[in-house]
Amino acid sequence: MKSEQDYRVRECLHRAQGAPGSYYDGRAYVKHLQRLPSEAAVRAAARVTPFFWADAAHINVWLCRDCAEDLGLKGRESDAA
């Protein structure tokens, strides 16, 4: 099990506005992003602090409920695989 320090956090722009949301595994985020049509994927990715996809295993992505729903991430981090 990895310690909290082994992970970096990225977040959607709605977090600063106080929107409710959850953390998701970076690999699940990338996986769901890749399932979207190109234009939708670009729009969705633009709402999240950027990171190299190769680092996804070390990233936790905080998404508001709307951004998570747009990506098809319905559950919490532990459920989003």
PDB file of N, CA and C in Angstrom:
ATOM      1  N   MET A   1       0.844  -1.180   0.000  1.00  0.00           N
ATOM      2  CA  MET A   1       0.000   0.000   0.000  1.00  0.00           C
ATOM      3  C   MET A   1       0.893   1.248   0.000  1.00  0.00           C
ATOM      4  N   LYS A   2       0.563   2.190  -0.844  1.00  0.00           N
ATOM      5  CA  LYS A   2       1.363   3.398  -0.967  1.00  0.00           C
ATOM      6  C   LYS A   2       0.967   4.409   0.099  1.00  0.00           C
ATOM      7  N   SER A   3       1.951   5.167   0.525  1.00  0.00           N
ATOM      8  CA  SER A   3       1.663   6.207   1.498  1.00  0.00           C
ATOM      9  C   SER A   3       1.055   7.409   0.789  1.00  0.00           C
ATOM     10  N   GLU A   4       0.480   8.292   1.555  1.00  0.00           N
ATOM     11  CA  GLU A   4      -0.157   9.487   1.008  1.00  0.00           C
ATOM     12  C   GLU A   4       0.847  10.351   0.247  1.00  0.00           C
ATOM     13  N   GLN A   5       2.107  10.347   0.668  1.00  0.00           N
ATOM     14  CA  GLN A   5       3.130  11.148   0.020  1.00  0.00           C
ATOM     15  C   GLN A   5       3.516  10.614  -1.346  1.00  0.00           C
ATOM     16  N   ASP A   6       3.196   9.369  -1.650  1.00  0.00           N
ATOM     17  CA  ASP A   6       3.517   8.783  -2.945  1.00  0.00           C
ATOM     18  C   ASP A   6       2.596   9.282  -4.048  1.00  0.00           C
ATOM     19  N   TYR A   7       1.540   9.991  -3.694  1.00  0.00           N
ATOM     20  CA  TYR A   7       0.563  10.449  -4.668  1.00  0.00           C
ATOM     21  C   TYR A   7       0.607  11.958  -4.823  1.00  0.00           C
ATOM     22  N   ARG A   8       0.334  12.402  -6.027  1.00  0.00           N
ATOM     23  CA  ARG A   8       0.171  13.829  -6.294  1.00  0.00           C
ATOM     24  C   ARG A   8      -1.291  14.051  -6.646  1.00  0.00           C
ATOM     25  N   VAL A   9      -1.790  15.226  -6.364  1.00  0.00           N
ATOM     26  CA  VAL A   9      -3.202  15.527  -6.589  1.00  0.00           C
ATOM     27  C   VAL A   9      -3.347  16.528  -7.724  1.00  0.00           C
ATOM     28  N   ARG A  10      -4.280  16.245  -8.599  1.00  0.00           N
ATOM     29  CA  ARG A  10      -4.715  17.183  -9.628  1.00  0.00           C
ATOM     30  C   ARG A  10      -6.212  17.361  -9.412  1.00  0.00           C
ATOM     31  N   GLU A  11      -6.760  18.465  -9.878  1.00  0.00           N
ATOM     32  CA  GLU A  11      -8.179  18.714  -9.600  1.00  0.00           C
ATOM     33  C   GLU A  11      -8.826  19.491 -10.737  1.00  0.00           C
ATOM     34  N   CYS A  12     -10.143  19.360 -10.817  1.00  0.00           N
ATOM     35  CA  CYS A  12     -10.887  20.130 -11.808  1.00  0.00           C
ATOM     36  C   CYS A  12     -11.036  21.565 -11.300  1.00  0.00           C
ATOM     37  N   LEU A  13     -11.281  22.458 -12.209  1.00  0.00           N
ATOM     38  CA  LEU A  13     -11.367  23.880 -11.872  1.00  0.00           C
ATOM     39  C   LEU A  13     -12.555  24.214 -10.986  1.00  0.00           C
ATOM     40  N   HIS A  14     -13.517  23.329 -10.865  1.00  0.00           N
ATOM     41  CA  HIS A  14     -14.710  23.590 -10.055  1.00  0.00           C
ATOM     42  C   HIS A  14     -14.461  23.441  -8.552  1.00  0.00           C
ATOM     43  N   ARG A  15     -13.334  22.837  -8.179  1.00  0.00           N
ATOM     44  CA  ARG A  15     -13.041  22.665  -6.753  1.00  0.00           C
ATOM     45  C   ARG A  15     -12.865  24.020  -6.067  1.00  0.00           C
ATOM     46  N   ALA A  16     -12.213  24.945  -6.757  1.00  0.00           N
ATOM     47  CA  ALA A  16     -11.984  26.281  -6.194  1.00  0.00           C
ATOM     48  C   ALA A  16     -13.292  27.032  -5.965  1.00  0.00           C
ATOM     49  N   GLN A  17     -14.341  26.627  -6.670  1.00  0.00           N
ATOM     50  CA  GLN A  17     -15.648  27.261  -6.531  1.00  0.00           C
ATOM     51  C   GLN A  17     -16.495  26.592  -5.464  1.00  0.00           C
ATOM     52  N   GLY A  18     -15.941  25.569  -4.802  1.00  0.00           N
ATOM     53  CA  GLY A  18     -16.645  24.913  -3.710  1.00  0.00           C
ATOM     54  C   GLY A  18     -17.589  23.800  -4.116  1.00  0.00           C
ATOM     55  N   ALA A  19     -17.477  23.313  -5.339  1.00  0.00           N
ATOM     56  CA  ALA A  19     -18.359  22.234  -5.799  1.00  0.00           C
ATOM     57  C   ALA A  19     -18.050  20.937  -5.044  1.00  0.00           C
ATOM     58  N   PRO A  20     -19.063  20.131  -4.748  1.00  0.00           N
ATOM     59  CA  PRO A  20     -18.816  18.836  -4.113  1.00  0.00           C
ATOM     60  C   PRO A  20     -18.200  17.871  -5.125  1.00  0.00           C
ATOM     61  N   GLY A  21     -17.348  16.993  -4.637  1.00  0.00           N
ATOM     62  CA  GLY A  21     -16.706  16.035  -5.536  1.00  0.00           C
ATOM     63  C   GLY A  21     -15.977  14.957  -4.770  1.00  0.00           C
ATOM     64  N   SER A  22     -15.184  14.187  -5.512  1.00  0.00           N
ATOM     65  CA  SER A  22     -14.458  13.053  -4.937  1.00  0.00           C
ATOM     66  C   SER A  22     -13.121  12.882  -5.641  1.00  0.00           C
ATOM     67  N   TYR A  23     -12.260  12.083  -5.023  1.00  0.00           N
ATOM     68  CA  TYR A  23     -10.981  11.722  -5.622  1.00  0.00           C
ATOM     69  C   TYR A  23     -11.141  10.453  -6.443  1.00  0.00           C
ATOM     70  N   TYR A  24     -10.413  10.403  -7.557  1.00  0.00           N
ATOM     71  CA  TYR A  24     -10.401   9.233  -8.428  1.00  0.00           C
ATOM     72  C   TYR A  24      -8.964   8.868  -8.748  1.00  0.00           C
ATOM     73  N   ASP A  25      -8.736   7.614  -8.955  1.00  0.00           N
ATOM     74  CA  ASP A  25      -7.431   7.121  -9.355  1.00  0.00           C
ATOM     75  C   ASP A  25      -7.059   7.724 -10.712  1.00  0.00           C
ATOM     76  N   GLY A  26      -5.832   8.189 -10.859  1.00  0.00           N
ATOM     77  CA  GLY A  26      -5.392   8.798 -12.111  1.00  0.00           C
ATOM     78  C   GLY A  26      -5.518   7.865 -13.297  1.00  0.00           C
ATOM     79  N   ARG A  27      -5.283   6.582 -13.089  1.00  0.00           N
ATOM     80  CA  ARG A  27      -5.417   5.616 -14.199  1.00  0.00           C
ATOM     81  C   ARG A  27      -6.864   5.501 -14.648  1.00  0.00           C
ATOM     82  N   ALA A  28      -7.797   5.523 -13.710  1.00  0.00           N
ATOM     83  CA  ALA A  28      -9.219   5.454 -14.070  1.00  0.00           C
ATOM     84  C   ALA A  28      -9.628   6.717 -14.820  1.00  0.00           C
ATOM     85  N   TYR A  29      -9.128   7.864 -14.372  1.00  0.00           N
ATOM     86  CA  TYR A  29      -9.421   9.130 -15.047  1.00  0.00           C
ATOM     87  C   TYR A  29      -8.956   9.078 -16.505  1.00  0.00           C
ATOM     88  N   VAL A  30      -7.715   8.664 -16.721  1.00  0.00           N
ATOM     89  CA  VAL A  30      -7.176   8.598 -18.087  1.00  0.00           C
ATOM     90  C   VAL A  30      -7.950   7.585 -18.924  1.00  0.00           C
ATOM     91  N   LYS A  31      -8.244   6.448 -18.344  1.00  0.00           N
ATOM     92  CA  LYS A  31      -8.989   5.401 -19.051  1.00  0.00           C
ATOM     93  C   LYS A  31     -10.344   5.922 -19.532  1.00  0.00           C
ATOM     94  N   HIS A  32     -11.052   6.620 -18.669  1.00  0.00           N
ATOM     95  CA  HIS A  32     -12.360   7.148 -19.038  1.00  0.00           C
ATOM     96  C   HIS A  32     -12.241   8.320 -20.007  1.00  0.00           C
ATOM     97  N   LEU A  33     -11.209   9.108 -19.873  1.00  0.00           N
ATOM     98  CA  LEU A  33     -10.967  10.215 -20.794  1.00  0.00           C
ATOM     99  C   LEU A  33     -10.725   9.687 -22.206  1.00  0.00           C
ATOM    100  N   GLN A  34     -10.003   8.601 -22.322  1.00  0.00           N
ATOM    101  CA  GLN A  34      -9.696   8.008 -23.622  1.00  0.00           C
ATOM    102  C   GLN A  34     -10.921   7.424 -24.311  1.00  0.00           C
ATOM    103  N   ARG A  35     -11.960   7.165 -23.585  1.00  0.00           N
ATOM    104  CA  ARG A  35     -13.188   6.612 -24.171  1.00  0.00           C
ATOM    105  C   ARG A  35     -14.056   7.670 -24.848  1.00  0.00           C
ATOM    106  N   LEU A  36     -13.781   8.930 -24.553  1.00  0.00           N
ATOM    107  CA  LEU A  36     -14.593  10.015 -25.109  1.00  0.00           C
ATOM    108  C   LEU A  36     -14.196  10.336 -26.540  1.00  0.00           C
ATOM    109  N   PRO A  37     -15.126  10.882 -27.327  1.00  0.00           N
ATOM    110  CA  PRO A  37     -14.752  11.404 -28.641  1.00  0.00           C
ATOM    111  C   PRO A  37     -13.707  12.517 -28.461  1.00  0.00           C
ATOM    112  N   SER A  38     -12.890  12.743 -29.464  1.00  0.00           N
ATOM    113  CA  SER A  38     -11.749  13.663 -29.367  1.00  0.00           C
ATOM    114  C   SER A  38     -12.104  15.033 -28.795  1.00  0.00           C
ATOM    115  N   GLU A  39     -13.098  15.683 -29.349  1.00  0.00           N
ATOM    116  CA  GLU A  39     -13.443  17.032 -28.891  1.00  0.00           C
ATOM    117  C   GLU A  39     -13.911  17.046 -27.441  1.00  0.00           C
ATOM    118  N   ALA A  40     -14.700  16.063 -27.056  1.00  0.00           N
ATOM    119  CA  ALA A  40     -15.175  15.976 -25.671  1.00  0.00           C
ATOM    120  C   ALA A  40     -14.010  15.693 -24.724  1.00  0.00           C
ATOM    121  N   ALA A  41     -13.068  14.865 -25.152  1.00  0.00           N
ATOM    122  CA  ALA A  41     -11.906  14.553 -24.321  1.00  0.00           C
ATOM    123  C   ALA A  41     -11.044  15.796 -24.095  1.00  0.00           C
ATOM    124  N   VAL A  42     -10.864  16.593 -25.134  1.00  0.00           N
ATOM    125  CA  VAL A  42     -10.074  17.816 -25.008  1.00  0.00           C
ATOM    126  C   VAL A  42     -10.750  18.787 -24.042  1.00  0.00           C
ATOM    127  N   ARG A  43     -12.068  18.935 -24.150  1.00  0.00           N
ATOM    128  CA  ARG A  43     -12.804  19.825 -23.239  1.00  0.00           C
ATOM    129  C   ARG A  43     -12.702  19.336 -21.799  1.00  0.00           C
ATOM    130  N   ALA A  44     -12.872  18.036 -21.593  1.00  0.00           N
ATOM    131  CA  ALA A  44     -12.819  17.469 -20.242  1.00  0.00           C
ATOM    132  C   ALA A  44     -11.419  17.605 -19.644  1.00  0.00           C
ATOM    133  N   ALA A  45     -10.398  17.315 -20.431  1.00  0.00           N
ATOM    134  CA  ALA A  45      -9.019  17.397 -19.942  1.00  0.00           C
ATOM    135  C   ALA A  45      -8.635  18.835 -19.608  1.00  0.00           C
ATOM    136  N   ALA A  46      -9.183  19.782 -20.337  1.00  0.00           N
ATOM    137  CA  ALA A  46      -8.863  21.198 -20.092  1.00  0.00           C
ATOM    138  C   ALA A  46      -9.386  21.692 -18.745  1.00  0.00           C
ATOM    139  N   ARG A  47     -10.324  20.975 -18.159  1.00  0.00           N
ATOM    140  CA  ARG A  47     -10.888  21.384 -16.859  1.00  0.00           C
ATOM    141  C   ARG A  47     -10.093  20.854 -15.677  1.00  0.00           C
ATOM    142  N   VAL A  48      -9.058  20.038 -15.942  1.00  0.00           N
ATOM    143  CA  VAL A  48      -8.280  19.419 -14.872  1.00  0.00           C
ATOM    144  C   VAL A  48      -6.820  19.880 -14.965  1.00  0.00           C
ATOM    145  N   THR A  49      -6.221  20.114 -13.808  1.00  0.00           N
ATOM    146  CA  THR A  49      -4.809  20.459 -13.765  1.00  0.00           C
ATOM    147  C   THR A  49      -4.027  19.412 -14.560  1.00  0.00           C
ATOM    148  N   PRO A  50      -3.186  19.835 -15.505  1.00  0.00           N
ATOM    149  CA  PRO A  50      -2.516  18.863 -16.387  1.00  0.00           C
ATOM    150  C   PRO A  50      -1.475  17.992 -15.664  1.00  0.00           C
ATOM    151  N   PHE A  51      -1.270  16.808 -16.217  1.00  0.00           N
ATOM    152  CA  PHE A  51      -0.211  15.914 -15.771  1.00  0.00           C
ATOM    153  C   PHE A  51       0.118  14.961 -16.909  1.00  0.00           C
ATOM    154  N   PHE A  52       1.315  14.386 -16.871  1.00  0.00           N
ATOM    155  CA  PHE A  52       1.699  13.405 -17.878  1.00  0.00           C
ATOM    156  C   PHE A  52       0.941  12.113 -17.616  1.00  0.00           C
ATOM    157  N   TRP A  53       0.331  11.562 -18.650  1.00  0.00           N
ATOM    158  CA  TRP A  53      -0.448  10.339 -18.475  1.00  0.00           C
ATOM    159  C   TRP A  53       0.418   9.187 -17.993  1.00  0.00           C
ATOM    160  N   ALA A  54       1.700   9.218 -18.298  1.00  0.00           N
ATOM    161  CA  ALA A  54       2.600   8.169 -17.822  1.00  0.00           C
ATOM    162  C   ALA A  54       2.693   8.174 -16.293  1.00  0.00           C
ATOM    163  N   ASP A  55       2.369   9.295 -15.671  1.00  0.00           N
ATOM    164  CA  ASP A  55       2.400   9.416 -14.218  1.00  0.00           C
ATOM    165  C   ASP A  55       1.063   9.082 -13.558  1.00  0.00           C
ATOM    166  N   ALA A  56       0.093   8.649 -14.320  1.00  0.00           N
ATOM    167  CA  ALA A  56      -1.265   8.448 -13.811  1.00  0.00           C
ATOM    168  C   ALA A  56      -1.326   7.524 -12.597  1.00  0.00           C
ATOM    169  N   ALA A  57      -0.434   6.556 -12.513  1.00  0.00           N
ATOM    170  CA  ALA A  57      -0.444   5.635 -11.370  1.00  0.00           C
ATOM    171  C   ALA A  57      -0.107   6.342 -10.062  1.00  0.00           C
ATOM    172  N   HIS A  58       0.473   7.527 -10.156  1.00  0.00           N
ATOM    173  CA  HIS A  58       0.880   8.276  -8.960  1.00  0.00           C
ATOM    174  C   HIS A  58       0.048   9.535  -8.756  1.00  0.00           C
ATOM    175  N   ILE A  59      -1.078   9.605  -9.445  1.00  0.00           N
ATOM    176  CA  ILE A  59      -1.925  10.797  -9.403  1.00  0.00           C
ATOM    177  C   ILE A  59      -3.296  10.440  -8.843  1.00  0.00           C
ATOM    178  N   ASN A  60      -3.816  11.288  -7.980  1.00  0.00           N
ATOM    179  CA  ASN A  60      -5.221  11.252  -7.575  1.00  0.00           C
ATOM    180  C   ASN A  60      -5.872  12.483  -8.186  1.00  0.00           C
ATOM    181  N   VAL A  61      -6.967  12.283  -8.865  1.00  0.00           N
ATOM    182  CA  VAL A  61      -7.655  13.384  -9.537  1.00  0.00           C
ATOM    183  C   VAL A  61      -8.949  13.683  -8.787  1.00  0.00           C
ATOM    184  N   TRP A  62      -9.069  14.916  -8.289  1.00  0.00           N
ATOM    185  CA  TRP A  62     -10.298  15.343  -7.641  1.00  0.00           C
ATOM    186  C   TRP A  62     -11.205  15.910  -8.720  1.00  0.00           C
ATOM    187  N   LEU A  63     -12.417  15.368  -8.820  1.00  0.00           N
ATOM    188  CA  LEU A  63     -13.396  15.832  -9.803  1.00  0.00           C
ATOM    189  C   LEU A  63     -14.697  16.180  -9.109  1.00  0.00           C
ATOM    190  N   CYS A  64     -15.304  17.289  -9.550  1.00  0.00           N
ATOM    191  CA  CYS A  64     -16.644  17.601  -9.061  1.00  0.00           C
ATOM    192  C   CYS A  64     -17.590  16.552  -9.643  1.00  0.00           C
ATOM    193  N   ARG A  65     -18.775  16.513  -9.126  1.00  0.00           N
ATOM    194  CA  ARG A  65     -19.743  15.507  -9.581  1.00  0.00           C
ATOM    195  C   ARG A  65     -20.048  15.629 -11.063  1.00  0.00           C
ATOM    196  N   ASP A  66     -20.174  16.858 -11.574  1.00  0.00           N
ATOM    197  CA  ASP A  66     -20.487  17.052 -12.993  1.00  0.00           C
ATOM    198  C   ASP A  66     -19.355  16.571 -13.889  1.00  0.00           C
ATOM    199  N   CYS A  67     -18.113  16.902 -13.538  1.00  0.00           N
ATOM    200  CA  CYS A  67     -16.971  16.466 -14.348  1.00  0.00           C
ATOM    201  C   CYS A  67     -16.838  14.943 -14.314  1.00  0.00           C
ATOM    202  N   ALA A  68     -17.046  14.349 -13.155  1.00  0.00           N
ATOM    203  CA  ALA A  68     -16.974  12.892 -13.042  1.00  0.00           C
ATOM    204  C   ALA A  68     -18.064  12.235 -13.889  1.00  0.00           C
ATOM    205  N   GLU A  69     -19.242  12.805 -13.854  1.00  0.00           N
ATOM    206  CA  GLU A  69     -20.351  12.260 -14.647  1.00  0.00           C
ATOM    207  C   GLU A  69     -20.074  12.389 -16.142  1.00  0.00           C
ATOM    208  N   ASP A  70     -19.495  13.513 -16.560  1.00  0.00           N
ATOM    209  CA  ASP A  70     -19.146  13.700 -17.968  1.00  0.00           C
ATOM    210  C   ASP A  70     -18.170  12.639 -18.463  1.00  0.00           C
ATOM    211  N   LEU A  71     -17.308  12.167 -17.566  1.00  0.00           N
ATOM    212  CA  LEU A  71     -16.335  11.138 -17.926  1.00  0.00           C
ATOM    213  C   LEU A  71     -16.888   9.724 -17.758  1.00  0.00           C
ATOM    214  N   GLY A  72     -18.028   9.603 -17.129  1.00  0.00           N
ATOM    215  CA  GLY A  72     -18.593   8.283 -16.877  1.00  0.00           C
ATOM    216  C   GLY A  72     -18.060   7.650 -15.603  1.00  0.00           C
ATOM    217  N   LEU A  73     -17.430   8.457 -14.749  1.00  0.00           N
ATOM    218  CA  LEU A  73     -16.953   7.973 -13.453  1.00  0.00           C
ATOM    219  C   LEU A  73     -18.089   8.136 -12.460  1.00  0.00           C
ATOM    220  N   LYS A  74     -18.701   7.059 -12.089  1.00  0.00           N
ATOM    221  CA  LYS A  74     -19.896   7.136 -11.247  1.00  0.00           C
ATOM    222  C   LYS A  74     -19.599   6.927  -9.769  1.00  0.00           C
ATOM    223  N   GLY A  75     -18.589   6.105  -9.455  1.00  0.00           N
ATOM    224  CA  GLY A  75     -18.305   5.776  -8.057  1.00  0.00           C
ATOM    225  C   GLY A  75     -17.150   6.562  -7.512  1.00  0.00           C
ATOM    226  N   ARG A  76     -16.821   6.270  -6.269  1.00  0.00           N
ATOM    227  CA  ARG A  76     -15.648   6.875  -5.657  1.00  0.00           C
ATOM    228  C   ARG A  76     -14.388   6.258  -6.221  1.00  0.00           C
ATOM    229  N   GLU A  77     -13.244   6.778  -5.784  1.00  0.00           N
ATOM    230  CA  GLU A  77     -11.943   6.311  -6.276  1.00  0.00           C
ATOM    231  C   GLU A  77     -11.810   4.803  -6.210  1.00  0.00           C
ATOM    232  N   SER A  78     -12.200   4.215  -5.100  1.00  0.00           N
ATOM    233  CA  SER A  78     -12.033   2.771  -4.932  1.00  0.00           C
ATOM    234  C   SER A  78     -12.911   1.979  -5.891  1.00  0.00           C
ATOM    235  N   ASP A  79     -13.974   2.602  -6.398  1.00  0.00           N
ATOM    236  CA  ASP A  79     -14.887   1.928  -7.315  1.00  0.00           C
ATOM    237  C   ASP A  79     -14.576   2.232  -8.774  1.00  0.00           C
ATOM    238  N   ALA A  80     -13.760   3.232  -9.037  1.00  0.00           N
ATOM    239  CA  ALA A  80     -13.538   3.709 -10.400  1.00  0.00           C
ATOM    240  C   ALA A  80     -12.318   3.047 -11.020  1.00  0.00           C
ATOM    241  N   ALA A  81     -12.517   1.872 -11.548  1.00  0.00           N
ATOM    242  CA  ALA A  81     -11.397   1.180 -12.190  1.00  0.00           C
ATOM    243  C   ALA A  81     -11.710   0.806 -13.601  1.00  0.00           C
TER     244      ALA A  81
END
